[in-house]
Amino acid sequence: MKPLFFSMLVAGMATFWLAAPAQARPHDPGVNARQHHQQQRIGQGVRSGQLTRGETRRLEREQRHINREERRYKSDGVLTRAERADLHRDQNRASRHIRQEKHDGQRQGWHNSANRDPGVNARQHNQRERLQDGWRDGSLTRSERHDLRDEQKAIRTEERAYKADGVLTRAERQDLQQDLSAASQHIYQERHDAERRF
């Protein structure tokens, strides 16, 4: 009698243990399907060049946040109506972000060589570094830094407008280089004038 009782007890416990994980992971096909679809949209944006590396990183970070939130909601074995609604709101917001980033005119440079200009990009990076150095060493005041950063933003906006049609012409490239040369001079002048932050 004891072996039979023991076998039934083990079988009952095994059934309980095997059933518990299934109950602890509530299934929501709507949420899961949307997550899958959004990952596909991001992948398509990367392949087509519609998403830059930075945009892709931000969108993927947003998807990871939603996945973590979903796991937290499901950790108690129940996905409530309010939690499901919150996940759908987050996915709606993420969907809008994907659409905005894919249609903002910025394109991944290596997908379109006519749209790529390592010289412009390298100069922009160099000027950002010079601004940071000027802020760190105190040679730029708050207002100088603000004005110089606005100038950099204006150049980036102009660059995006030039690249919106998928082609960066020689004249557009020259115009950007002239603007970057003027900005470089302004950075030098502001860092070497008498005004100091501290």
N, C-alpha and C. Protein backbone atom coordinates (compact mmCIF):
# COMPACT_ATOMS: atom_id res chain seq x y z
N MET A 1 0.80 -1.18 0.00
CA MET A 1 0.00 0.00 0.00
C MET A 1 0.86 1.27 0.00
N LYS A 2 1.96 1.23 0.77
CA LYS A 2 2.81 2.40 0.85
C LYS A 2 3.40 2.78 -0.51
N PRO A 3 3.94 1.83 -1.30
CA PRO A 3 4.49 2.22 -2.59
C PRO A 3 3.45 2.85 -3.49
N LEU A 4 2.23 2.36 -3.49
CA LEU A 4 1.17 2.92 -4.33
C LEU A 4 0.85 4.35 -3.89
N PHE A 5 0.72 4.57 -2.58
CA PHE A 5 0.45 5.90 -2.06
C PHE A 5 1.58 6.86 -2.42
N PHE A 6 2.80 6.39 -2.24
CA PHE A 6 3.98 7.22 -2.55
C PHE A 6 4.00 7.58 -4.04
N SER A 7 3.70 6.62 -4.92
CA SER A 7 3.68 6.88 -6.36
C SER A 7 2.61 7.90 -6.71
N MET A 8 1.44 7.78 -6.09
CA MET A 8 0.36 8.73 -6.37
C MET A 8 0.73 10.12 -5.87
N LEU A 9 1.38 10.18 -4.71
CA LEU A 9 1.80 11.46 -4.16
C LEU A 9 2.82 12.13 -5.08
N VAL A 10 3.80 11.36 -5.55
CA VAL A 10 4.82 11.90 -6.47
C VAL A 10 4.17 12.35 -7.76
N ALA A 11 3.25 11.55 -8.30
CA ALA A 11 2.57 11.92 -9.55
C ALA A 11 1.75 13.19 -9.36
N GLY A 12 1.07 13.30 -8.23
CA GLY A 12 0.29 14.51 -7.96
C GLY A 12 1.16 15.74 -7.83
N MET A 13 2.28 15.59 -7.13
CA MET A 13 3.20 16.72 -6.99
C MET A 13 3.80 17.11 -8.33
N ALA A 14 4.16 16.13 -9.14
CA ALA A 14 4.73 16.42 -10.46
C ALA A 14 3.72 17.17 -11.32
N THR A 15 2.46 16.73 -11.27
CA THR A 15 1.41 17.43 -12.03
C THR A 15 1.30 18.87 -11.57
N PHE A 16 1.32 19.08 -10.26
CA PHE A 16 1.23 20.43 -9.72
C PHE A 16 2.43 21.28 -10.16
N TRP A 17 3.63 20.73 -10.07
CA TRP A 17 4.84 21.46 -10.45
C TRP A 17 4.86 21.79 -11.93
N LEU A 18 4.41 20.87 -12.75
CA LEU A 18 4.41 21.12 -14.19
C LEU A 18 3.34 22.11 -14.58
N ALA A 19 2.22 22.11 -13.86
CA ALA A 19 1.13 23.03 -14.19
C ALA A 19 1.43 24.44 -13.68
N ALA A 20 2.16 24.58 -12.59
CA ALA A 20 2.41 25.89 -11.99
C ALA A 20 3.12 26.85 -12.93
N PRO A 21 4.19 26.43 -13.65
CA PRO A 21 4.83 27.39 -14.54
C PRO A 21 3.90 27.88 -15.63
N ALA A 22 3.02 27.02 -16.13
CA ALA A 22 2.10 27.45 -17.18
C ALA A 22 1.15 28.51 -16.64
N GLN A 23 0.72 28.35 -15.37
CA GLN A 23 -0.16 29.35 -14.80
C GLN A 23 0.59 30.64 -14.50
N ALA A 24 1.88 30.54 -14.21
CA ALA A 24 2.66 31.72 -13.85
C ALA A 24 2.99 32.58 -15.06
N ARG A 25 2.77 32.07 -16.25
CA ARG A 25 3.05 32.84 -17.45
C ARG A 25 1.77 33.04 -18.25
N PRO A 26 0.95 34.00 -17.85
CA PRO A 26 -0.29 34.22 -18.59
C PRO A 26 0.03 34.61 -20.02
N HIS A 27 -0.76 34.10 -20.93
CA HIS A 27 -0.51 34.31 -22.34
C HIS A 27 -1.41 35.43 -22.85
N ASP A 28 -0.86 36.35 -23.60
CA ASP A 28 -1.66 37.40 -24.22
C ASP A 28 -1.23 37.52 -25.67
N PRO A 29 -1.97 36.85 -26.57
CA PRO A 29 -1.55 36.86 -27.97
C PRO A 29 -1.50 38.25 -28.58
N GLY A 30 -2.37 39.17 -28.11
CA GLY A 30 -2.36 40.52 -28.67
C GLY A 30 -1.06 41.25 -28.37
N VAL A 31 -0.64 41.21 -27.11
CA VAL A 31 0.60 41.88 -26.70
C VAL A 31 1.79 41.23 -27.41
N ASN A 32 1.84 39.89 -27.41
CA ASN A 32 2.97 39.18 -28.02
C ASN A 32 3.05 39.44 -29.52
N ALA A 33 1.90 39.46 -30.19
CA ALA A 33 1.90 39.70 -31.64
C ALA A 33 2.40 41.10 -31.95
N ARG A 34 2.00 42.07 -31.14
CA ARG A 34 2.45 43.44 -31.38
C ARG A 34 3.95 43.58 -31.16
N GLN A 35 4.47 42.91 -30.12
CA GLN A 35 5.90 42.97 -29.89
C GLN A 35 6.66 42.39 -31.08
N HIS A 36 6.19 41.27 -31.56
CA HIS A 36 6.83 40.63 -32.72
C HIS A 36 6.77 41.54 -33.94
N HIS A 37 5.60 42.13 -34.18
CA HIS A 37 5.42 43.01 -35.34
C HIS A 37 6.34 44.23 -35.25
N GLN A 38 6.47 44.81 -34.05
CA GLN A 38 7.32 45.99 -33.91
C GLN A 38 8.79 45.66 -34.12
N GLN A 39 9.21 44.47 -33.66
CA GLN A 39 10.59 44.05 -33.91
C GLN A 39 10.83 43.90 -35.41
N GLN A 40 9.83 43.37 -36.13
CA GLN A 40 9.96 43.24 -37.59
C GLN A 40 10.07 44.61 -38.25
N ARG A 41 9.28 45.57 -37.79
CA ARG A 41 9.33 46.92 -38.37
C ARG A 41 10.70 47.57 -38.15
N ILE A 42 11.26 47.38 -36.95
CA ILE A 42 12.59 47.93 -36.68
C ILE A 42 13.62 47.26 -37.58
N GLY A 43 13.55 45.94 -37.70
CA GLY A 43 14.48 45.21 -38.57
C GLY A 43 14.37 45.67 -40.01
N GLN A 44 13.15 45.89 -40.49
CA GLN A 44 12.95 46.36 -41.86
C GLN A 44 13.55 47.76 -42.03
N GLY A 45 13.39 48.62 -41.00
CA GLY A 45 13.95 49.97 -41.07
C GLY A 45 15.47 49.96 -41.12
N VAL A 46 16.08 49.02 -40.41
CA VAL A 46 17.55 48.88 -40.45
C VAL A 46 17.98 48.43 -41.84
N ARG A 47 17.31 47.39 -42.36
CA ARG A 47 17.69 46.85 -43.68
C ARG A 47 17.52 47.88 -44.80
N SER A 48 16.47 48.70 -44.72
CA SER A 48 16.21 49.67 -45.78
C SER A 48 17.06 50.93 -45.63
N GLY A 49 17.67 51.10 -44.46
CA GLY A 49 18.47 52.29 -44.21
C GLY A 49 17.65 53.45 -43.67
N GLN A 50 16.35 53.24 -43.40
CA GLN A 50 15.50 54.31 -42.88
C GLN A 50 15.84 54.65 -41.43
N LEU A 51 16.47 53.71 -40.72
CA LEU A 51 16.83 53.94 -39.33
C LEU A 51 18.35 54.05 -39.20
N THR A 52 18.81 55.08 -38.53
CA THR A 52 20.23 55.21 -38.25
C THR A 52 20.57 54.30 -37.06
N ARG A 53 21.85 54.15 -36.79
CA ARG A 53 22.25 53.32 -35.65
C ARG A 53 21.70 53.87 -34.34
N GLY A 54 21.78 55.18 -34.16
CA GLY A 54 21.27 55.80 -32.93
C GLY A 54 19.77 55.61 -32.77
N GLU A 55 19.03 55.78 -33.87
CA GLU A 55 17.58 55.59 -33.82
C GLU A 55 17.26 54.14 -33.47
N THR A 56 18.00 53.21 -34.08
CA THR A 56 17.75 51.79 -33.81
C THR A 56 18.01 51.48 -32.35
N ARG A 57 19.09 52.02 -31.80
CA ARG A 57 19.40 51.78 -30.37
C ARG A 57 18.28 52.29 -29.48
N ARG A 58 17.77 53.50 -29.76
CA ARG A 58 16.70 54.06 -28.94
C ARG A 58 15.43 53.22 -29.04
N LEU A 59 15.07 52.80 -30.25
CA LEU A 59 13.85 52.00 -30.43
C LEU A 59 13.98 50.63 -29.77
N GLU A 60 15.15 50.02 -29.88
CA GLU A 60 15.37 48.71 -29.24
C GLU A 60 15.33 48.84 -27.72
N ARG A 61 15.88 49.95 -27.19
CA ARG A 61 15.85 50.19 -25.74
C ARG A 61 14.39 50.30 -25.28
N GLU A 62 13.58 50.99 -26.06
CA GLU A 62 12.16 51.13 -25.72
C GLU A 62 11.46 49.77 -25.71
N GLN A 63 11.78 48.92 -26.69
CA GLN A 63 11.18 47.58 -26.73
C GLN A 63 11.63 46.74 -25.53
N ARG A 64 12.91 46.85 -25.15
CA ARG A 64 13.39 46.11 -23.98
C ARG A 64 12.65 46.56 -22.71
N HIS A 65 12.42 47.86 -22.61
CA HIS A 65 11.69 48.38 -21.45
C HIS A 65 10.28 47.78 -21.39
N ILE A 66 9.61 47.71 -22.52
CA ILE A 66 8.25 47.14 -22.56
C ILE A 66 8.30 45.66 -22.20
N ASN A 67 9.30 44.94 -22.71
CA ASN A 67 9.43 43.51 -22.38
C ASN A 67 9.64 43.30 -20.88
N ARG A 68 10.50 44.14 -20.27
CA ARG A 68 10.73 44.03 -18.83
C ARG A 68 9.45 44.32 -18.05
N GLU A 69 8.73 45.34 -18.51
CA GLU A 69 7.47 45.68 -17.86
C GLU A 69 6.47 44.52 -17.96
N GLU A 70 6.40 43.90 -19.12
CA GLU A 70 5.50 42.76 -19.31
C GLU A 70 5.88 41.62 -18.36
N ARG A 71 7.17 41.30 -18.26
CA ARG A 71 7.61 40.23 -17.36
C ARG A 71 7.24 40.55 -15.91
N ARG A 72 7.39 41.82 -15.53
CA ARG A 72 7.05 42.22 -14.16
C ARG A 72 5.55 42.04 -13.92
N TYR A 73 4.74 42.46 -14.90
CA TYR A 73 3.28 42.31 -14.75
C TYR A 73 2.88 40.84 -14.65
N LYS A 74 3.55 39.98 -15.41
CA LYS A 74 3.16 38.57 -15.45
C LYS A 74 3.78 37.75 -14.32
N SER A 75 4.66 38.36 -13.53
CA SER A 75 5.40 37.60 -12.52
C SER A 75 4.49 37.02 -11.43
N ASP A 76 3.33 37.63 -11.21
CA ASP A 76 2.42 37.09 -10.19
C ASP A 76 1.44 36.07 -10.77
N GLY A 77 1.59 35.75 -12.05
CA GLY A 77 0.75 34.74 -12.68
C GLY A 77 -0.53 35.28 -13.26
N VAL A 78 -0.74 36.60 -13.17
CA VAL A 78 -1.98 37.20 -13.68
C VAL A 78 -1.63 38.46 -14.45
N LEU A 79 -2.23 38.61 -15.61
CA LEU A 79 -2.10 39.85 -16.38
C LEU A 79 -3.46 40.52 -16.34
N THR A 80 -3.59 41.55 -15.53
CA THR A 80 -4.88 42.20 -15.34
C THR A 80 -5.25 43.02 -16.56
N ARG A 81 -6.52 43.42 -16.61
CA ARG A 81 -6.98 44.27 -17.71
C ARG A 81 -6.21 45.59 -17.73
N ALA A 82 -5.97 46.17 -16.56
CA ALA A 82 -5.23 47.44 -16.47
C ALA A 82 -3.79 47.27 -16.96
N GLU A 83 -3.14 46.16 -16.57
CA GLU A 83 -1.77 45.91 -17.01
C GLU A 83 -1.72 45.71 -18.52
N ARG A 84 -2.69 44.97 -19.06
CA ARG A 84 -2.75 44.75 -20.51
C ARG A 84 -2.95 46.08 -21.24
N ALA A 85 -3.83 46.93 -20.69
CA ALA A 85 -4.07 48.25 -21.30
C ALA A 85 -2.81 49.10 -21.27
N ASP A 86 -2.06 49.03 -20.16
CA ASP A 86 -0.82 49.80 -20.04
C ASP A 86 0.20 49.33 -21.08
N LEU A 87 0.32 48.00 -21.26
CA LEU A 87 1.24 47.47 -22.27
C LEU A 87 0.84 47.93 -23.66
N HIS A 88 -0.46 47.93 -23.95
CA HIS A 88 -0.92 48.39 -25.28
C HIS A 88 -0.65 49.88 -25.47
N ARG A 89 -0.81 50.69 -24.41
CA ARG A 89 -0.48 52.12 -24.52
C ARG A 89 1.01 52.30 -24.82
N ASP A 90 1.84 51.53 -24.11
CA ASP A 90 3.29 51.62 -24.35
C ASP A 90 3.63 51.21 -25.78
N GLN A 91 2.97 50.15 -26.27
CA GLN A 91 3.24 49.70 -27.64
C GLN A 91 2.72 50.73 -28.65
N ASN A 92 1.60 51.40 -28.35
CA ASN A 92 1.11 52.46 -29.25
C ASN A 92 2.14 53.58 -29.36
N ARG A 93 2.70 53.97 -28.20
CA ARG A 93 3.72 55.02 -28.20
C ARG A 93 4.96 54.56 -28.97
N ALA A 94 5.39 53.32 -28.72
CA ALA A 94 6.56 52.79 -29.42
C ALA A 94 6.31 52.72 -30.93
N SER A 95 5.09 52.37 -31.32
CA SER A 95 4.74 52.30 -32.74
C SER A 95 4.86 53.68 -33.39
N ARG A 96 4.39 54.71 -32.68
CA ARG A 96 4.52 56.08 -33.20
C ARG A 96 5.99 56.46 -33.35
N HIS A 97 6.81 56.09 -32.35
CA HIS A 97 8.24 56.41 -32.41
C HIS A 97 8.90 55.72 -33.62
N ILE A 98 8.55 54.47 -33.85
CA ILE A 98 9.12 53.76 -35.01
C ILE A 98 8.74 54.48 -36.29
N ARG A 99 7.47 54.83 -36.41
CA ARG A 99 7.01 55.52 -37.63
C ARG A 99 7.74 56.85 -37.82
N GLN A 100 7.84 57.64 -36.72
CA GLN A 100 8.51 58.94 -36.81
C GLN A 100 9.97 58.78 -37.24
N GLU A 101 10.66 57.83 -36.62
CA GLU A 101 12.08 57.66 -36.93
C GLU A 101 12.30 57.14 -38.35
N LYS A 102 11.40 56.29 -38.82
CA LYS A 102 11.55 55.74 -40.17
C LYS A 102 11.24 56.77 -41.25
N HIS A 103 10.49 57.82 -40.90
CA HIS A 103 10.07 58.79 -41.91
C HIS A 103 10.59 60.20 -41.65
N ASP A 104 11.67 60.32 -40.84
CA ASP A 104 12.18 61.65 -40.51
C ASP A 104 13.23 62.16 -41.50
N GLY A 105 13.52 61.40 -42.52
CA GLY A 105 14.48 61.87 -43.52
C GLY A 105 15.92 61.49 -43.22
N GLN A 106 16.20 61.08 -41.99
CA GLN A 106 17.55 60.63 -41.67
C GLN A 106 17.72 59.22 -42.21
N ARG A 107 18.86 58.97 -42.82
CA ARG A 107 19.09 57.66 -43.38
C ARG A 107 20.45 57.16 -42.94
N GLN A 108 20.55 55.84 -42.84
CA GLN A 108 21.82 55.23 -42.48
C GLN A 108 22.79 55.45 -43.63
N GLY A 109 23.91 56.11 -43.35
CA GLY A 109 24.84 56.53 -44.39
C GLY A 109 25.35 55.42 -45.28
N TRP A 110 25.63 54.22 -44.73
CA TRP A 110 26.23 53.18 -45.54
C TRP A 110 25.24 52.54 -46.50
N HIS A 111 23.95 52.89 -46.43
CA HIS A 111 22.98 52.34 -47.38
C HIS A 111 22.94 53.16 -48.67
N ASN A 112 23.44 54.39 -48.61
CA ASN A 112 23.34 55.26 -49.77
C ASN A 112 24.62 56.08 -49.86
N SER A 113 25.54 55.66 -50.70
CA SER A 113 26.85 56.31 -50.75
C SER A 113 26.76 57.76 -51.20
N ALA A 114 25.73 58.10 -52.02
CA ALA A 114 25.58 59.49 -52.46
C ALA A 114 25.19 60.39 -51.29
N ASN A 115 24.65 59.80 -50.25
CA ASN A 115 24.17 60.54 -49.10
C ASN A 115 25.20 60.56 -47.97
N ARG A 116 26.33 59.96 -48.19
CA ARG A 116 27.32 59.78 -47.14
C ARG A 116 28.45 60.77 -47.31
N ASP A 117 28.85 61.41 -46.22
CA ASP A 117 29.98 62.31 -46.28
C ASP A 117 30.78 62.20 -45.00
N PRO A 118 31.79 61.31 -45.00
CA PRO A 118 32.57 61.14 -43.77
C PRO A 118 33.26 62.43 -43.33
N GLY A 119 33.60 63.30 -44.27
CA GLY A 119 34.26 64.56 -43.91
C GLY A 119 33.36 65.44 -43.08
N VAL A 120 32.11 65.60 -43.51
CA VAL A 120 31.14 66.40 -42.76
C VAL A 120 30.91 65.77 -41.38
N ASN A 121 30.69 64.47 -41.36
CA ASN A 121 30.42 63.79 -40.09
C ASN A 121 31.60 63.88 -39.13
N ALA A 122 32.81 63.73 -39.65
CA ALA A 122 34.00 63.81 -38.80
C ALA A 122 34.15 65.22 -38.23
N ARG A 123 33.88 66.23 -39.04
CA ARG A 123 34.00 67.61 -38.55
C ARG A 123 32.95 67.91 -37.49
N GLN A 124 31.74 67.41 -37.70
CA GLN A 124 30.69 67.61 -36.69
C GLN A 124 31.09 66.96 -35.37
N HIS A 125 31.61 65.76 -35.45
CA HIS A 125 32.05 65.06 -34.23
C HIS A 125 33.18 65.84 -33.55
N ASN A 126 34.13 66.31 -34.33
CA ASN A 126 35.25 67.08 -33.78
C ASN A 126 34.76 68.35 -33.09
N GLN A 127 33.80 69.02 -33.69
CA GLN A 127 33.31 70.26 -33.10
C GLN A 127 32.52 70.00 -31.82
N ARG A 128 31.79 68.90 -31.77
CA ARG A 128 31.11 68.54 -30.52
C ARG A 128 32.13 68.29 -29.41
N GLU A 129 33.23 67.61 -29.75
CA GLU A 129 34.29 67.36 -28.76
C GLU A 129 34.91 68.67 -28.28
N ARG A 130 35.14 69.60 -29.19
CA ARG A 130 35.73 70.89 -28.82
C ARG A 130 34.81 71.67 -27.89
N LEU A 131 33.50 71.59 -28.15
CA LEU A 131 32.54 72.26 -27.26
C LEU A 131 32.57 71.63 -25.87
N GLN A 132 32.62 70.32 -25.80
CA GLN A 132 32.69 69.64 -24.51
C GLN A 132 33.98 70.00 -23.78
N ASP A 133 35.09 70.04 -24.52
CA ASP A 133 36.36 70.41 -23.89
C ASP A 133 36.30 71.83 -23.34
N GLY A 134 35.69 72.74 -24.12
CA GLY A 134 35.57 74.13 -23.67
C GLY A 134 34.72 74.27 -22.43
N TRP A 135 33.70 73.45 -22.34
CA TRP A 135 32.85 73.48 -21.14
C TRP A 135 33.59 72.92 -19.94
N ARG A 136 34.31 71.82 -20.16
CA ARG A 136 35.05 71.18 -19.06
C ARG A 136 36.16 72.08 -18.52
N ASP A 137 36.90 72.74 -19.43
CA ASP A 137 38.03 73.55 -18.95
C ASP A 137 37.62 74.97 -18.57
N GLY A 138 36.33 75.31 -18.74
CA GLY A 138 35.85 76.62 -18.31
C GLY A 138 36.06 77.73 -19.31
N SER A 139 36.59 77.44 -20.50
CA SER A 139 36.84 78.50 -21.48
C SER A 139 35.57 78.93 -22.20
N LEU A 140 34.47 78.20 -22.02
CA LEU A 140 33.18 78.60 -22.58
C LEU A 140 32.22 78.92 -21.44
N THR A 141 31.58 80.08 -21.52
CA THR A 141 30.54 80.41 -20.55
C THR A 141 29.26 79.67 -20.95
N ARG A 142 28.28 79.71 -20.07
CA ARG A 142 27.01 79.03 -20.35
C ARG A 142 26.36 79.59 -21.62
N SER A 143 26.33 80.92 -21.77
CA SER A 143 25.67 81.51 -22.94
C SER A 143 26.47 81.23 -24.22
N GLU A 144 27.81 81.25 -24.14
CA GLU A 144 28.62 80.92 -25.31
C GLU A 144 28.36 79.48 -25.75
N ARG A 145 28.35 78.58 -24.78
CA ARG A 145 28.09 77.17 -25.09
C ARG A 145 26.71 77.00 -25.73
N HIS A 146 25.73 77.69 -25.17
CA HIS A 146 24.36 77.61 -25.69
C HIS A 146 24.31 78.08 -27.14
N ASP A 147 24.92 79.23 -27.43
CA ASP A 147 24.91 79.78 -28.79
C ASP A 147 25.63 78.85 -29.78
N LEU A 148 26.77 78.31 -29.35
CA LEU A 148 27.54 77.43 -30.23
C LEU A 148 26.79 76.12 -30.49
N ARG A 149 26.11 75.60 -29.47
CA ARG A 149 25.33 74.38 -29.66
C ARG A 149 24.15 74.64 -30.60
N ASP A 150 23.54 75.81 -30.50
CA ASP A 150 22.45 76.16 -31.42
C ASP A 150 22.96 76.20 -32.86
N GLU A 151 24.17 76.71 -33.03
CA GLU A 151 24.76 76.76 -34.37
C GLU A 151 24.97 75.35 -34.90
N GLN A 152 25.44 74.43 -34.05
CA GLN A 152 25.64 73.04 -34.46
C GLN A 152 24.30 72.39 -34.83
N LYS A 153 23.26 72.67 -34.04
CA LYS A 153 21.93 72.11 -34.33
C LYS A 153 21.42 72.61 -35.68
N ALA A 154 21.66 73.90 -35.96
CA ALA A 154 21.20 74.47 -37.24
C ALA A 154 21.90 73.78 -38.41
N ILE A 155 23.18 73.47 -38.25
CA ILE A 155 23.92 72.78 -39.31
C ILE A 155 23.37 71.37 -39.50
N ARG A 156 23.07 70.68 -38.39
CA ARG A 156 22.50 69.32 -38.51
C ARG A 156 21.13 69.36 -39.17
N THR A 157 20.33 70.37 -38.84
CA THR A 157 19.01 70.51 -39.48
C THR A 157 19.16 70.74 -40.97
N GLU A 158 20.12 71.60 -41.32
CA GLU A 158 20.38 71.87 -42.74
C GLU A 158 20.85 70.60 -43.44
N GLU A 159 21.72 69.84 -42.78
CA GLU A 159 22.21 68.60 -43.37
C GLU A 159 21.07 67.62 -43.60
N ARG A 160 20.17 67.48 -42.63
CA ARG A 160 19.02 66.58 -42.80
C ARG A 160 18.15 67.02 -43.97
N ALA A 161 17.95 68.33 -44.10
CA ALA A 161 17.14 68.85 -45.21
C ALA A 161 17.81 68.52 -46.54
N TYR A 162 19.12 68.69 -46.61
CA TYR A 162 19.85 68.37 -47.85
C TYR A 162 19.75 66.88 -48.18
N LYS A 163 19.80 66.04 -47.15
CA LYS A 163 19.82 64.59 -47.38
C LYS A 163 18.43 63.98 -47.51
N ALA A 164 17.39 64.79 -47.31
CA ALA A 164 16.02 64.26 -47.31
C ALA A 164 15.65 63.59 -48.63
N ASP A 165 16.21 64.07 -49.74
CA ASP A 165 15.88 63.47 -51.04
C ASP A 165 16.79 62.28 -51.38
N GLY A 166 17.66 61.92 -50.45
CA GLY A 166 18.53 60.76 -50.65
C GLY A 166 19.83 61.08 -51.36
N VAL A 167 20.06 62.37 -51.69
CA VAL A 167 21.28 62.75 -52.42
C VAL A 167 21.89 63.98 -51.75
N LEU A 168 23.18 63.92 -51.51
CA LEU A 168 23.91 65.07 -51.01
C LEU A 168 24.78 65.56 -52.17
N THR A 169 24.37 66.66 -52.80
CA THR A 169 25.08 67.14 -53.98
C THR A 169 26.40 67.80 -53.58
N ARG A 170 27.24 68.05 -54.58
CA ARG A 170 28.53 68.71 -54.33
C ARG A 170 28.30 70.10 -53.74
N ALA A 171 27.33 70.85 -54.28
CA ALA A 171 27.05 72.20 -53.78
C ALA A 171 26.56 72.15 -52.33
N GLU A 172 25.70 71.18 -52.01
CA GLU A 172 25.21 71.03 -50.63
C GLU A 172 26.33 70.67 -49.68
N ARG A 173 27.22 69.78 -50.13
CA ARG A 173 28.36 69.38 -49.31
C ARG A 173 29.27 70.58 -49.06
N GLN A 174 29.52 71.39 -50.10
CA GLN A 174 30.36 72.58 -49.95
C GLN A 174 29.72 73.58 -48.98
N ASP A 175 28.40 73.74 -49.08
CA ASP A 175 27.71 74.65 -48.18
C ASP A 175 27.85 74.19 -46.73
N LEU A 176 27.70 72.89 -46.51
CA LEU A 176 27.87 72.36 -45.16
C LEU A 176 29.29 72.58 -44.66
N GLN A 177 30.27 72.35 -45.52
CA GLN A 177 31.67 72.55 -45.12
C GLN A 177 31.94 74.01 -44.77
N GLN A 178 31.35 74.94 -45.54
CA GLN A 178 31.52 76.37 -45.23
C GLN A 178 30.89 76.71 -43.88
N ASP A 179 29.70 76.18 -43.65
CA ASP A 179 29.04 76.42 -42.36
C ASP A 179 29.86 75.84 -41.21
N LEU A 180 30.43 74.65 -41.42
CA LEU A 180 31.26 74.04 -40.38
C LEU A 180 32.54 74.82 -40.16
N SER A 181 33.10 75.40 -41.22
CA SER A 181 34.30 76.24 -41.07
C SER A 181 33.98 77.48 -40.24
N ALA A 182 32.84 78.10 -40.52
CA ALA A 182 32.43 79.28 -39.75
C ALA A 182 32.20 78.89 -38.28
N ALA A 183 31.55 77.75 -38.05
CA ALA A 183 31.29 77.29 -36.68
C ALA A 183 32.60 77.00 -35.97
N SER A 184 33.56 76.44 -36.68
CA SER A 184 34.87 76.13 -36.09
C SER A 184 35.55 77.42 -35.63
N GLN A 185 35.48 78.46 -36.46
CA GLN A 185 36.05 79.75 -36.10
C GLN A 185 35.37 80.32 -34.85
N HIS A 186 34.05 80.20 -34.80
CA HIS A 186 33.31 80.71 -33.64
C HIS A 186 33.71 79.98 -32.36
N ILE A 187 33.90 78.66 -32.46
CA ILE A 187 34.32 77.90 -31.29
C ILE A 187 35.70 78.40 -30.83
N TYR A 188 36.62 78.58 -31.78
CA TYR A 188 37.97 79.05 -31.43
C TYR A 188 37.90 80.41 -30.75
N GLN A 189 37.13 81.34 -31.36
CA GLN A 189 37.05 82.70 -30.82
C GLN A 189 36.47 82.69 -29.40
N GLU A 190 35.40 81.94 -29.20
CA GLU A 190 34.75 81.94 -27.88
C GLU A 190 35.64 81.27 -26.82
N ARG A 191 36.38 80.26 -27.21
CA ARG A 191 37.25 79.59 -26.24
C ARG A 191 38.48 80.41 -25.90
N HIS A 192 38.85 81.35 -26.77
CA HIS A 192 40.08 82.13 -26.55
C HIS A 192 39.82 83.60 -26.23
N ASP A 193 38.55 83.94 -25.94
CA ASP A 193 38.31 85.31 -25.51
C ASP A 193 38.52 85.41 -24.00
N ALA A 194 38.29 86.58 -23.45
CA ALA A 194 38.58 86.82 -22.04
C ALA A 194 37.52 86.21 -21.10
N GLU A 195 36.36 85.86 -21.65
CA GLU A 195 35.28 85.36 -20.80
C GLU A 195 35.55 83.92 -20.39
N ARG A 196 35.35 83.66 -19.07
CA ARG A 196 35.55 82.33 -18.54
C ARG A 196 34.36 81.95 -17.67
N ARG A 197 34.08 80.65 -17.60
CA ARG A 197 32.96 80.20 -16.79
C ARG A 197 33.30 80.22 -15.30
N PHE A 198 34.55 79.97 -14.94
CA PHE A 198 34.96 79.99 -13.53
C PHE A 198 36.40 80.42 -13.42
